[in-house]
Structure formats: structure tokens, C-alpha cells
Amino acid sequence: MPRPRSDDKRSAILAAATRVIVVQGLSAPTAGIAKEAGVASGSLFTYFETKTELYNALYVELKLEMASAAVTGLRDTGEPRDQLFRLWQNWTSWAVSFPEKRQALAQLNVSGEITPISRSAAGKGMTYVAELLELIHASGSMRKSPITFVVSLMNSVVESTIEFMVQDPTNAKRHCKAGFEGLWRMIT
């Protein structure tokens, strides 16, 4: 009879995978991830049948965590501009607060290992954000551009903003606001 799975061990494996990906990249051996998690190599495969399954689970978990942080308090902030700014603040704050998670997520995001099913599952955490962006996009200066292009531009601006916030923490709030103002001018 197989041993019951432990949520703590699963969480330890995902946290270890995050740290190992940041240092060694996506080609890191699963044995290294297991060692970092403090579990036997075979135990890792009790929770995730393959490395690809592990990476997909980590991707979904990190995206949903980021989305949850980003949407905190959004529905309570009023106008679309205020809501988007709150989203922006929450998103950049999460990224600055959890640099390893952000770095691991960036690598996973461009990986060919992440399945469409995982991308879809992760996207469900951003439903309200998508609705907000659609509302802003519909009347903005880029309304004739595909929303996917606008989202891609937003992601680029937020990544640049986060980099400045990390490199110059004394002026992080100023960088956050300036990045948002640039984005707002671009899309409205």
C-alpha cells in the first residue's frame, strides 16, 4: 500500500524546484530538486510522475499566487484607472517581494514544457484582470490592436518597472508610479 501524500512534502518540492530553477535553470536534475527539498529522489516522483509534470504544477502554482496577489482589493478601488493602478502596485510588490518566484516563473513561462492546459488553468486566476483590460482596451488608443498585443506590451513595461524597483529600492515607489503612468498613456 503506497504511503499517503503529504501536502508539506509537495510544497517543499515545489519550493525547492523554484530555488533550483533560479540557480541551475530548467535543465536542473530532479535529484538536485529532491535533495534541496530534503526528500528522497523516488519521493519526488510520488508527487510528480515526471519533471514536466513538476514544472507544470509549479507554473500553475506561481501564476495563481501572483494573480491572487495582483487582484487583492481590486473590486474596491472604483474607476478602471484606479483599479489598474492597484493591480500594478500589487503585481510589482509581489515580484519585488518574491524575486526567486518571479525568476523561476519567467523561465517556466518561456519553456516548451508548459502545456496549454496548465496555461489555461493559470489564466483562470486572471479572469477579473482580463475583464478590466478589455474594458480599458475597448475605448483606448490601442483599441484596434489585438488585446494580446496590449497585454504583451503591459508585461514588458511591468518587467522593466520591476527591474528598476529592484535595482533602486530607495526609489521603488517612484519607479512603480512612473511605469504605470507610461503604461496608462500607452493604452488609453
N, C-alpha and C. Protein backbone atom coordinates (compact mmCIF):
# COMPACT_ATOMS: atom_id res chain seq x y z
N MET A 1 0.85 -1.19 0.00
CA MET A 1 0.00 0.00 0.00
C MET A 1 0.89 1.24 0.00
N PRO A 2 0.67 2.15 -0.95
CA PRO A 2 1.52 3.35 -1.00
C PRO A 2 1.25 4.28 0.18
N ARG A 3 2.30 4.99 0.55
CA ARG A 3 2.17 5.97 1.64
C ARG A 3 1.28 7.13 1.19
N PRO A 4 0.52 7.68 2.13
CA PRO A 4 -0.29 8.86 1.76
C PRO A 4 0.61 10.05 1.46
N ARG A 5 0.18 10.85 0.54
CA ARG A 5 0.95 12.04 0.17
C ARG A 5 0.79 13.12 1.23
N SER A 6 1.86 13.85 1.41
CA SER A 6 1.88 14.94 2.39
C SER A 6 1.87 16.28 1.66
N ASP A 7 0.95 17.16 2.05
CA ASP A 7 0.92 18.50 1.46
C ASP A 7 2.22 19.24 1.75
N ASP A 8 2.80 19.00 2.94
CA ASP A 8 4.05 19.66 3.30
C ASP A 8 5.19 19.22 2.39
N LYS A 9 5.26 17.94 2.07
CA LYS A 9 6.32 17.46 1.17
C LYS A 9 6.12 18.00 -0.24
N ARG A 10 4.89 18.01 -0.68
CA ARG A 10 4.61 18.55 -2.02
C ARG A 10 5.03 20.02 -2.08
N SER A 11 4.68 20.77 -1.06
CA SER A 11 5.06 22.19 -1.00
C SER A 11 6.57 22.35 -0.94
N ALA A 12 7.24 21.48 -0.19
CA ALA A 12 8.70 21.54 -0.09
C ALA A 12 9.35 21.27 -1.45
N ILE A 13 8.80 20.33 -2.19
CA ILE A 13 9.33 20.01 -3.52
C ILE A 13 9.14 21.20 -4.46
N LEU A 14 7.97 21.82 -4.44
CA LEU A 14 7.73 22.97 -5.31
C LEU A 14 8.62 24.15 -4.92
N ALA A 15 8.80 24.39 -3.63
CA ALA A 15 9.68 25.48 -3.18
C ALA A 15 11.12 25.19 -3.58
N ALA A 16 11.54 23.94 -3.45
CA ALA A 16 12.90 23.57 -3.84
C ALA A 16 13.09 23.72 -5.35
N ALA A 17 12.09 23.31 -6.11
CA ALA A 17 12.17 23.46 -7.57
C ALA A 17 12.33 24.93 -7.94
N THR A 18 11.63 25.81 -7.26
CA THR A 18 11.75 27.25 -7.51
C THR A 18 13.20 27.69 -7.31
N ARG A 19 13.78 27.33 -6.17
CA ARG A 19 15.15 27.75 -5.87
C ARG A 19 16.16 27.15 -6.85
N VAL A 20 15.99 25.88 -7.18
CA VAL A 20 16.93 25.20 -8.07
C VAL A 20 16.84 25.76 -9.49
N ILE A 21 15.63 26.04 -9.97
CA ILE A 21 15.46 26.61 -11.31
C ILE A 21 16.19 27.94 -11.41
N VAL A 22 16.10 28.76 -10.38
CA VAL A 22 16.74 30.07 -10.41
C VAL A 22 18.26 29.92 -10.55
N VAL A 23 18.83 28.95 -9.86
CA VAL A 23 20.28 28.77 -9.87
C VAL A 23 20.77 27.95 -11.07
N GLN A 24 20.05 26.87 -11.38
CA GLN A 24 20.55 25.93 -12.38
C GLN A 24 19.76 25.92 -13.69
N GLY A 25 18.64 26.59 -13.72
CA GLY A 25 17.82 26.59 -14.92
C GLY A 25 16.91 25.38 -15.00
N LEU A 26 16.18 25.28 -16.09
CA LEU A 26 15.18 24.22 -16.24
C LEU A 26 15.80 22.86 -16.52
N SER A 27 17.08 22.83 -16.84
CA SER A 27 17.74 21.54 -17.08
C SER A 27 18.27 20.92 -15.79
N ALA A 28 18.00 21.54 -14.66
CA ALA A 28 18.46 21.01 -13.37
C ALA A 28 17.94 19.59 -13.18
N PRO A 29 18.79 18.70 -12.64
CA PRO A 29 18.33 17.33 -12.42
C PRO A 29 17.32 17.24 -11.28
N THR A 30 16.38 16.32 -11.42
CA THR A 30 15.37 16.13 -10.38
C THR A 30 16.01 15.69 -9.07
N ALA A 31 17.15 15.00 -9.14
CA ALA A 31 17.84 14.59 -7.91
C ALA A 31 18.26 15.80 -7.10
N GLY A 32 18.67 16.85 -7.78
CA GLY A 32 19.04 18.10 -7.09
C GLY A 32 17.84 18.77 -6.46
N ILE A 33 16.72 18.71 -7.12
CA ILE A 33 15.49 19.29 -6.57
C ILE A 33 15.07 18.49 -5.33
N ALA A 34 15.12 17.16 -5.44
CA ALA A 34 14.75 16.31 -4.29
C ALA A 34 15.67 16.58 -3.11
N LYS A 35 16.95 16.68 -3.37
CA LYS A 35 17.92 16.94 -2.30
C LYS A 35 17.63 18.29 -1.64
N GLU A 36 17.38 19.31 -2.44
CA GLU A 36 17.06 20.65 -1.92
C GLU A 36 15.78 20.63 -1.09
N ALA A 37 14.85 19.76 -1.48
CA ALA A 37 13.58 19.64 -0.75
C ALA A 37 13.70 18.78 0.50
N GLY A 38 14.82 18.05 0.61
CA GLY A 38 15.00 17.17 1.76
C GLY A 38 14.18 15.90 1.67
N VAL A 39 13.95 15.45 0.43
CA VAL A 39 13.22 14.20 0.23
C VAL A 39 14.06 13.27 -0.65
N ALA A 40 13.76 11.99 -0.60
CA ALA A 40 14.45 11.03 -1.46
C ALA A 40 14.03 11.26 -2.91
N SER A 41 14.95 10.97 -3.83
CA SER A 41 14.65 11.17 -5.25
C SER A 41 13.37 10.47 -5.66
N GLY A 42 13.19 9.25 -5.17
CA GLY A 42 11.98 8.50 -5.51
C GLY A 42 10.72 9.16 -4.98
N SER A 43 10.86 9.85 -3.84
CA SER A 43 9.69 10.53 -3.26
C SER A 43 9.18 11.64 -4.18
N LEU A 44 10.10 12.30 -4.85
CA LEU A 44 9.69 13.37 -5.77
C LEU A 44 8.70 12.81 -6.79
N PHE A 45 8.99 11.59 -7.29
CA PHE A 45 8.15 11.01 -8.32
C PHE A 45 6.86 10.42 -7.75
N THR A 46 6.73 10.38 -6.44
CA THR A 46 5.46 10.03 -5.81
C THR A 46 4.47 11.18 -5.98
N TYR A 47 5.00 12.38 -6.00
CA TYR A 47 4.16 13.58 -6.10
C TYR A 47 4.01 14.06 -7.54
N PHE A 48 5.05 13.86 -8.33
CA PHE A 48 5.04 14.31 -9.73
C PHE A 48 5.66 13.20 -10.56
N GLU A 49 4.90 12.63 -11.47
CA GLU A 49 5.38 11.48 -12.23
C GLU A 49 6.59 11.81 -13.09
N THR A 50 6.64 13.05 -13.59
CA THR A 50 7.75 13.45 -14.45
C THR A 50 8.20 14.86 -14.08
N LYS A 51 9.34 15.21 -14.57
CA LYS A 51 9.85 16.57 -14.37
C LYS A 51 8.91 17.58 -15.04
N THR A 52 8.38 17.22 -16.19
CA THR A 52 7.43 18.09 -16.89
C THR A 52 6.19 18.32 -16.03
N GLU A 53 5.70 17.27 -15.40
CA GLU A 53 4.54 17.43 -14.52
C GLU A 53 4.87 18.35 -13.34
N LEU A 54 6.06 18.20 -12.78
CA LEU A 54 6.51 19.07 -11.69
C LEU A 54 6.55 20.52 -12.16
N TYR A 55 7.14 20.76 -13.31
CA TYR A 55 7.26 22.13 -13.81
C TYR A 55 5.90 22.73 -14.12
N ASN A 56 4.98 21.94 -14.64
CA ASN A 56 3.63 22.45 -14.91
C ASN A 56 2.90 22.79 -13.62
N ALA A 57 3.05 21.94 -12.62
CA ALA A 57 2.41 22.22 -11.32
C ALA A 57 3.00 23.48 -10.70
N LEU A 58 4.31 23.65 -10.80
CA LEU A 58 4.96 24.84 -10.26
C LEU A 58 4.51 26.08 -11.01
N TYR A 59 4.44 26.00 -12.32
CA TYR A 59 3.98 27.12 -13.13
C TYR A 59 2.59 27.58 -12.71
N VAL A 60 1.67 26.63 -12.60
CA VAL A 60 0.29 26.97 -12.22
C VAL A 60 0.27 27.58 -10.82
N GLU A 61 1.01 26.97 -9.89
CA GLU A 61 1.02 27.49 -8.52
C GLU A 61 1.56 28.92 -8.46
N LEU A 62 2.67 29.17 -9.14
CA LEU A 62 3.26 30.52 -9.11
C LEU A 62 2.37 31.54 -9.80
N LYS A 63 1.79 31.17 -10.94
CA LYS A 63 0.91 32.11 -11.65
C LYS A 63 -0.33 32.44 -10.81
N LEU A 64 -0.91 31.43 -10.17
CA LEU A 64 -2.08 31.68 -9.35
C LEU A 64 -1.74 32.50 -8.12
N GLU A 65 -0.57 32.26 -7.54
CA GLU A 65 -0.14 33.07 -6.40
C GLU A 65 0.05 34.52 -6.81
N MET A 66 0.71 34.73 -7.94
CA MET A 66 0.93 36.08 -8.44
C MET A 66 -0.42 36.76 -8.75
N ALA A 67 -1.31 36.02 -9.40
CA ALA A 67 -2.63 36.57 -9.74
C ALA A 67 -3.41 36.93 -8.50
N SER A 68 -3.37 36.06 -7.51
CA SER A 68 -4.09 36.33 -6.26
C SER A 68 -3.57 37.61 -5.61
N ALA A 69 -2.26 37.75 -5.59
CA ALA A 69 -1.67 38.97 -5.01
C ALA A 69 -2.06 40.19 -5.84
N ALA A 70 -2.04 40.06 -7.15
CA ALA A 70 -2.32 41.19 -8.04
C ALA A 70 -3.74 41.70 -7.92
N VAL A 71 -4.71 40.83 -7.70
CA VAL A 71 -6.10 41.25 -7.69
C VAL A 71 -6.61 41.62 -6.29
N THR A 72 -5.78 41.52 -5.29
CA THR A 72 -6.20 41.85 -3.93
C THR A 72 -6.74 43.27 -3.88
N GLY A 73 -7.98 43.41 -3.45
CA GLY A 73 -8.60 44.72 -3.28
C GLY A 73 -9.01 45.43 -4.56
N LEU A 74 -8.92 44.78 -5.70
CA LEU A 74 -9.23 45.45 -6.97
C LEU A 74 -10.67 45.91 -7.08
N ARG A 75 -11.59 45.10 -6.70
CA ARG A 75 -13.00 45.43 -6.89
C ARG A 75 -13.45 46.59 -6.00
N ASP A 76 -12.61 46.96 -5.06
CA ASP A 76 -12.98 48.02 -4.12
C ASP A 76 -12.40 49.39 -4.48
N THR A 77 -11.73 49.51 -5.62
CA THR A 77 -10.99 50.74 -5.88
C THR A 77 -11.65 51.69 -6.86
N GLY A 78 -12.81 51.38 -7.39
CA GLY A 78 -13.53 52.34 -8.21
C GLY A 78 -13.24 52.33 -9.69
N GLU A 79 -12.82 53.46 -10.21
CA GLU A 79 -12.61 53.67 -11.64
C GLU A 79 -11.58 52.69 -12.23
N PRO A 80 -11.72 52.37 -13.54
CA PRO A 80 -10.78 51.44 -14.16
C PRO A 80 -9.31 51.85 -13.99
N ARG A 81 -9.02 53.14 -14.08
CA ARG A 81 -7.63 53.58 -13.91
C ARG A 81 -7.13 53.26 -12.51
N ASP A 82 -7.97 53.53 -11.52
CA ASP A 82 -7.60 53.23 -10.13
C ASP A 82 -7.43 51.73 -9.92
N GLN A 83 -8.30 50.95 -10.53
CA GLN A 83 -8.20 49.50 -10.40
C GLN A 83 -6.92 48.98 -11.06
N LEU A 84 -6.62 49.50 -12.25
CA LEU A 84 -5.40 49.05 -12.93
C LEU A 84 -4.16 49.47 -12.15
N PHE A 85 -4.18 50.65 -11.56
CA PHE A 85 -3.04 51.08 -10.76
C PHE A 85 -2.88 50.19 -9.53
N ARG A 86 -3.99 49.83 -8.90
CA ARG A 86 -3.92 48.93 -7.74
C ARG A 86 -3.35 47.57 -8.16
N LEU A 87 -3.81 47.06 -9.29
CA LEU A 87 -3.27 45.82 -9.84
C LEU A 87 -1.77 45.95 -10.06
N TRP A 88 -1.37 47.04 -10.67
CA TRP A 88 0.04 47.31 -10.96
C TRP A 88 0.88 47.32 -9.68
N GLN A 89 0.40 48.04 -8.67
CA GLN A 89 1.10 48.09 -7.38
C GLN A 89 1.21 46.70 -6.76
N ASN A 90 0.12 45.97 -6.76
CA ASN A 90 0.13 44.63 -6.18
C ASN A 90 1.08 43.69 -6.92
N TRP A 91 1.03 43.76 -8.24
CA TRP A 91 1.86 42.89 -9.09
C TRP A 91 3.34 43.19 -8.86
N THR A 92 3.71 44.46 -8.93
CA THR A 92 5.13 44.81 -8.74
C THR A 92 5.59 44.51 -7.32
N SER A 93 4.72 44.71 -6.35
CA SER A 93 5.06 44.40 -4.96
C SER A 93 5.33 42.91 -4.79
N TRP A 94 4.49 42.06 -5.38
CA TRP A 94 4.70 40.62 -5.30
C TRP A 94 6.04 40.25 -5.94
N ALA A 95 6.30 40.80 -7.12
CA ALA A 95 7.53 40.45 -7.84
C ALA A 95 8.78 40.88 -7.08
N VAL A 96 8.74 42.04 -6.47
CA VAL A 96 9.89 42.53 -5.70
C VAL A 96 10.03 41.74 -4.40
N SER A 97 8.93 41.35 -3.81
CA SER A 97 8.96 40.60 -2.55
C SER A 97 9.39 39.15 -2.72
N PHE A 98 9.16 38.59 -3.89
CA PHE A 98 9.47 37.18 -4.14
C PHE A 98 10.32 37.03 -5.41
N PRO A 99 11.56 37.52 -5.36
CA PRO A 99 12.38 37.51 -6.58
C PRO A 99 12.65 36.11 -7.14
N GLU A 100 12.82 35.11 -6.27
CA GLU A 100 13.06 33.76 -6.78
C GLU A 100 11.84 33.23 -7.53
N LYS A 101 10.67 33.48 -6.98
CA LYS A 101 9.45 33.02 -7.64
C LYS A 101 9.29 33.71 -8.98
N ARG A 102 9.57 35.00 -9.02
CA ARG A 102 9.47 35.76 -10.27
C ARG A 102 10.44 35.22 -11.31
N GLN A 103 11.68 34.95 -10.89
CA GLN A 103 12.69 34.45 -11.82
C GLN A 103 12.35 33.05 -12.33
N ALA A 104 11.90 32.18 -11.43
CA ALA A 104 11.51 30.83 -11.84
C ALA A 104 10.32 30.89 -12.80
N LEU A 105 9.35 31.73 -12.47
CA LEU A 105 8.17 31.87 -13.32
C LEU A 105 8.55 32.38 -14.71
N ALA A 106 9.49 33.29 -14.78
CA ALA A 106 9.93 33.81 -16.08
C ALA A 106 10.53 32.69 -16.94
N GLN A 107 11.32 31.82 -16.31
CA GLN A 107 11.91 30.70 -17.06
C GLN A 107 10.84 29.70 -17.48
N LEU A 108 9.94 29.40 -16.56
CA LEU A 108 8.88 28.45 -16.89
C LEU A 108 7.97 28.99 -17.99
N ASN A 109 7.73 30.29 -17.96
CA ASN A 109 6.82 30.92 -18.92
C ASN A 109 7.29 30.76 -20.37
N VAL A 110 8.59 30.75 -20.58
CA VAL A 110 9.12 30.61 -21.94
C VAL A 110 9.51 29.17 -22.27
N SER A 111 9.26 28.28 -21.34
CA SER A 111 9.61 26.88 -21.54
C SER A 111 8.61 26.19 -22.46
N GLY A 112 9.11 25.31 -23.27
CA GLY A 112 8.24 24.48 -24.10
C GLY A 112 7.58 23.37 -23.29
N GLU A 113 7.95 23.24 -22.03
CA GLU A 113 7.42 22.19 -21.17
C GLU A 113 6.01 22.52 -20.64
N ILE A 114 5.65 23.77 -20.63
CA ILE A 114 4.37 24.17 -20.05
C ILE A 114 3.25 23.92 -21.06
N THR A 115 2.28 23.13 -20.64
CA THR A 115 1.22 22.70 -21.55
C THR A 115 0.12 23.76 -21.67
N PRO A 116 -0.63 23.71 -22.75
CA PRO A 116 -1.78 24.61 -22.88
C PRO A 116 -2.78 24.44 -21.72
N ILE A 117 -2.92 23.24 -21.22
CA ILE A 117 -3.84 23.01 -20.10
C ILE A 117 -3.35 23.77 -18.86
N SER A 118 -2.05 23.74 -18.60
CA SER A 118 -1.50 24.48 -17.46
C SER A 118 -1.64 25.98 -17.67
N ARG A 119 -1.38 26.44 -18.87
CA ARG A 119 -1.52 27.87 -19.15
C ARG A 119 -2.97 28.32 -18.95
N SER A 120 -3.89 27.49 -19.37
CA SER A 120 -5.31 27.81 -19.19
C SER A 120 -5.69 27.81 -17.71
N ALA A 121 -5.22 26.82 -16.98
CA ALA A 121 -5.51 26.75 -15.53
C ALA A 121 -4.96 27.98 -14.81
N ALA A 122 -3.76 28.38 -15.19
CA ALA A 122 -3.14 29.56 -14.57
C ALA A 122 -3.89 30.83 -14.95
N GLY A 123 -4.40 30.89 -16.15
CA GLY A 123 -5.12 32.07 -16.62
C GLY A 123 -6.44 32.30 -15.91
N LYS A 124 -6.99 31.25 -15.33
CA LYS A 124 -8.28 31.40 -14.63
C LYS A 124 -8.16 32.33 -13.43
N GLY A 125 -6.97 32.46 -12.89
CA GLY A 125 -6.78 33.38 -11.77
C GLY A 125 -6.78 34.83 -12.19
N MET A 126 -6.72 35.07 -13.49
CA MET A 126 -6.65 36.44 -14.01
C MET A 126 -7.93 36.86 -14.73
N THR A 127 -9.02 36.18 -14.49
CA THR A 127 -10.27 36.49 -15.18
C THR A 127 -10.70 37.94 -14.97
N TYR A 128 -10.68 38.40 -13.74
CA TYR A 128 -11.09 39.77 -13.46
C TYR A 128 -10.15 40.77 -14.13
N VAL A 129 -8.86 40.45 -14.12
CA VAL A 129 -7.87 41.32 -14.77
C VAL A 129 -8.15 41.41 -16.26
N ALA A 130 -8.45 40.28 -16.87
CA ALA A 130 -8.76 40.26 -18.31
C ALA A 130 -9.98 41.13 -18.61
N GLU A 131 -10.99 41.04 -17.76
CA GLU A 131 -12.19 41.87 -17.95
C GLU A 131 -11.86 43.36 -17.84
N LEU A 132 -11.04 43.70 -16.86
CA LEU A 132 -10.64 45.09 -16.67
C LEU A 132 -9.85 45.59 -17.87
N LEU A 133 -8.91 44.80 -18.34
CA LEU A 133 -8.10 45.21 -19.51
C LEU A 133 -8.96 45.33 -20.76
N GLU A 134 -9.91 44.44 -20.93
CA GLU A 134 -10.82 44.54 -22.08
C GLU A 134 -11.61 45.84 -22.04
N LEU A 135 -12.09 46.21 -20.86
CA LEU A 135 -12.84 47.45 -20.68
C LEU A 135 -11.98 48.65 -21.06
N ILE A 136 -10.76 48.70 -20.57
CA ILE A 136 -9.85 49.81 -20.86
C ILE A 136 -9.46 49.80 -22.33
N HIS A 137 -9.19 48.63 -22.86
CA HIS A 137 -8.76 48.47 -24.25
C HIS A 137 -9.84 48.92 -25.23
N ALA A 138 -11.10 48.64 -24.91
CA ALA A 138 -12.22 48.93 -25.82
C ALA A 138 -12.33 50.41 -26.17
N SER A 139 -11.94 51.29 -25.26
CA SER A 139 -12.07 52.72 -25.54
C SER A 139 -10.71 53.41 -25.63
N GLY A 140 -9.64 52.65 -25.55
CA GLY A 140 -8.31 53.24 -25.56
C GLY A 140 -7.74 53.48 -26.95
N SER A 141 -6.60 54.12 -26.98
CA SER A 141 -5.95 54.45 -28.25
C SER A 141 -5.50 53.21 -29.02
N MET A 142 -5.38 52.10 -28.34
CA MET A 142 -4.94 50.87 -28.99
C MET A 142 -6.09 49.90 -29.24
N ARG A 143 -7.31 50.42 -29.26
CA ARG A 143 -8.49 49.56 -29.38
C ARG A 143 -8.50 48.74 -30.67
N LYS A 144 -7.80 49.18 -31.70
CA LYS A 144 -7.76 48.42 -32.95
C LYS A 144 -6.65 47.37 -32.95
N SER A 145 -5.81 47.40 -31.94
CA SER A 145 -4.76 46.39 -31.80
C SER A 145 -5.31 45.20 -31.03
N PRO A 146 -4.81 44.01 -31.32
CA PRO A 146 -5.29 42.84 -30.55
C PRO A 146 -4.96 43.00 -29.07
N ILE A 147 -5.87 42.57 -28.23
CA ILE A 147 -5.67 42.66 -26.78
C ILE A 147 -4.41 41.90 -26.37
N THR A 148 -4.10 40.82 -27.06
CA THR A 148 -2.89 40.06 -26.73
C THR A 148 -1.63 40.91 -26.93
N PHE A 149 -1.65 41.80 -27.92
CA PHE A 149 -0.53 42.70 -28.14
C PHE A 149 -0.44 43.71 -26.99
N VAL A 150 -1.56 44.24 -26.57
CA VAL A 150 -1.60 45.19 -25.46
C VAL A 150 -1.11 44.53 -24.17
N VAL A 151 -1.53 43.31 -23.93
CA VAL A 151 -1.07 42.57 -22.74
C VAL A 151 0.43 42.33 -22.81
N SER A 152 0.93 42.01 -23.99
CA SER A 152 2.37 41.80 -24.16
C SER A 152 3.15 43.09 -23.86
N LEU A 153 2.64 44.21 -24.34
CA LEU A 153 3.27 45.49 -24.02
C LEU A 153 3.25 45.77 -22.52
N MET A 154 2.11 45.48 -21.90
CA MET A 154 2.00 45.69 -20.45
C MET A 154 3.01 44.83 -19.71
N ASN A 155 3.16 43.58 -20.12
CA ASN A 155 4.13 42.70 -19.47
C ASN A 155 5.55 43.23 -19.62
N SER A 156 5.87 43.77 -20.77
CA SER A 156 7.21 44.33 -20.99
C SER A 156 7.44 45.55 -20.10
N VAL A 157 6.45 46.42 -20.01
CA VAL A 157 6.59 47.62 -19.18
C VAL A 157 6.70 47.23 -17.71
N VAL A 158 5.90 46.26 -17.27
CA VAL A 158 5.96 45.87 -15.86
C VAL A 158 7.31 45.23 -15.54
N GLU A 159 7.85 44.43 -16.44
CA GLU A 159 9.16 43.81 -16.18
C GLU A 159 10.25 44.87 -16.07
N SER A 160 10.22 45.87 -16.94
CA SER A 160 11.19 46.97 -16.85
C SER A 160 11.02 47.73 -15.54
N THR A 161 9.79 47.98 -15.17
CA THR A 161 9.50 48.68 -13.92
C THR A 161 10.02 47.90 -12.73
N ILE A 162 9.76 46.61 -12.70
CA ILE A 162 10.22 45.76 -11.60
C ILE A 162 11.75 45.78 -11.51
N GLU A 163 12.41 45.70 -12.64
CA GLU A 163 13.89 45.73 -12.64
C GLU A 163 14.40 47.02 -12.01
N PHE A 164 13.79 48.14 -12.35
CA PHE A 164 14.22 49.42 -11.75
C PHE A 164 13.91 49.44 -10.27
N MET A 165 12.77 48.88 -9.87
CA MET A 165 12.42 48.85 -8.45
C MET A 165 13.41 47.99 -7.66
N VAL A 166 13.84 46.90 -8.25
CA VAL A 166 14.80 46.01 -7.58
C VAL A 166 16.18 46.66 -7.51
N GLN A 167 16.60 47.28 -8.59
CA GLN A 167 17.93 47.88 -8.65
C GLN A 167 18.04 49.16 -7.84
N ASP A 168 16.93 49.84 -7.65
CA ASP A 168 16.93 51.12 -6.94
C ASP A 168 15.78 51.13 -5.92
N PRO A 169 15.90 50.32 -4.86
CA PRO A 169 14.79 50.19 -3.91
C PRO A 169 14.42 51.49 -3.20
N THR A 170 15.36 52.41 -3.08
CA THR A 170 15.07 53.69 -2.44
C THR A 170 13.99 54.45 -3.20
N ASN A 171 13.98 54.29 -4.51
CA ASN A 171 13.01 54.98 -5.36
C ASN A 171 11.97 54.04 -5.97
N ALA A 172 11.76 52.90 -5.32
CA ALA A 172 10.86 51.88 -5.87
C ALA A 172 9.45 52.41 -6.09
N LYS A 173 8.92 53.16 -5.16
CA LYS A 173 7.56 53.70 -5.32
C LYS A 173 7.49 54.65 -6.51
N ARG A 174 8.52 55.46 -6.66
CA ARG A 174 8.55 56.40 -7.78
C ARG A 174 8.61 55.65 -9.12
N HIS A 175 9.44 54.59 -9.17
CA HIS A 175 9.54 53.78 -10.39
C HIS A 175 8.21 53.10 -10.69
N CYS A 176 7.56 52.60 -9.64
CA CYS A 176 6.27 51.93 -9.81
C CYS A 176 5.27 52.89 -10.43
N LYS A 177 5.18 54.08 -9.89
CA LYS A 177 4.22 55.07 -10.40
C LYS A 177 4.57 55.51 -11.82
N ALA A 178 5.86 55.75 -12.08
CA ALA A 178 6.29 56.18 -13.42
C ALA A 178 6.01 55.10 -14.47
N GLY A 179 6.26 53.83 -14.11
CA GLY A 179 5.98 52.73 -15.03
C GLY A 179 4.50 52.67 -15.36
N PHE A 180 3.68 52.82 -14.33
CA PHE A 180 2.24 52.78 -14.55
C PHE A 180 1.79 53.95 -15.43
N GLU A 181 2.29 55.14 -15.15
CA GLU A 181 1.90 56.31 -15.95
C GLU A 181 2.27 56.10 -17.42
N GLY A 182 3.44 55.51 -17.67
CA GLY A 182 3.84 55.20 -19.05
C GLY A 182 2.89 54.22 -19.70
N LEU A 183 2.53 53.19 -18.97
CA LEU A 183 1.59 52.20 -19.49
C LEU A 183 0.24 52.84 -19.76
N TRP A 184 -0.25 53.62 -18.82
CA TRP A 184 -1.58 54.23 -18.97
C TRP A 184 -1.63 55.14 -20.20
N ARG A 185 -0.59 55.91 -20.41
CA ARG A 185 -0.56 56.79 -21.59
C ARG A 185 -0.54 55.98 -22.88
N MET A 186 0.12 54.84 -22.81
CA MET A 186 0.25 54.00 -24.00
C MET A 186 -1.09 53.37 -24.38
N ILE A 187 -1.87 52.94 -23.40
CA ILE A 187 -3.06 52.16 -23.73
C ILE A 187 -4.37 52.96 -23.74
N THR A 188 -4.34 54.22 -23.28
CA THR A 188 -5.59 54.98 -23.27
C THR A 188 -5.56 56.16 -24.23
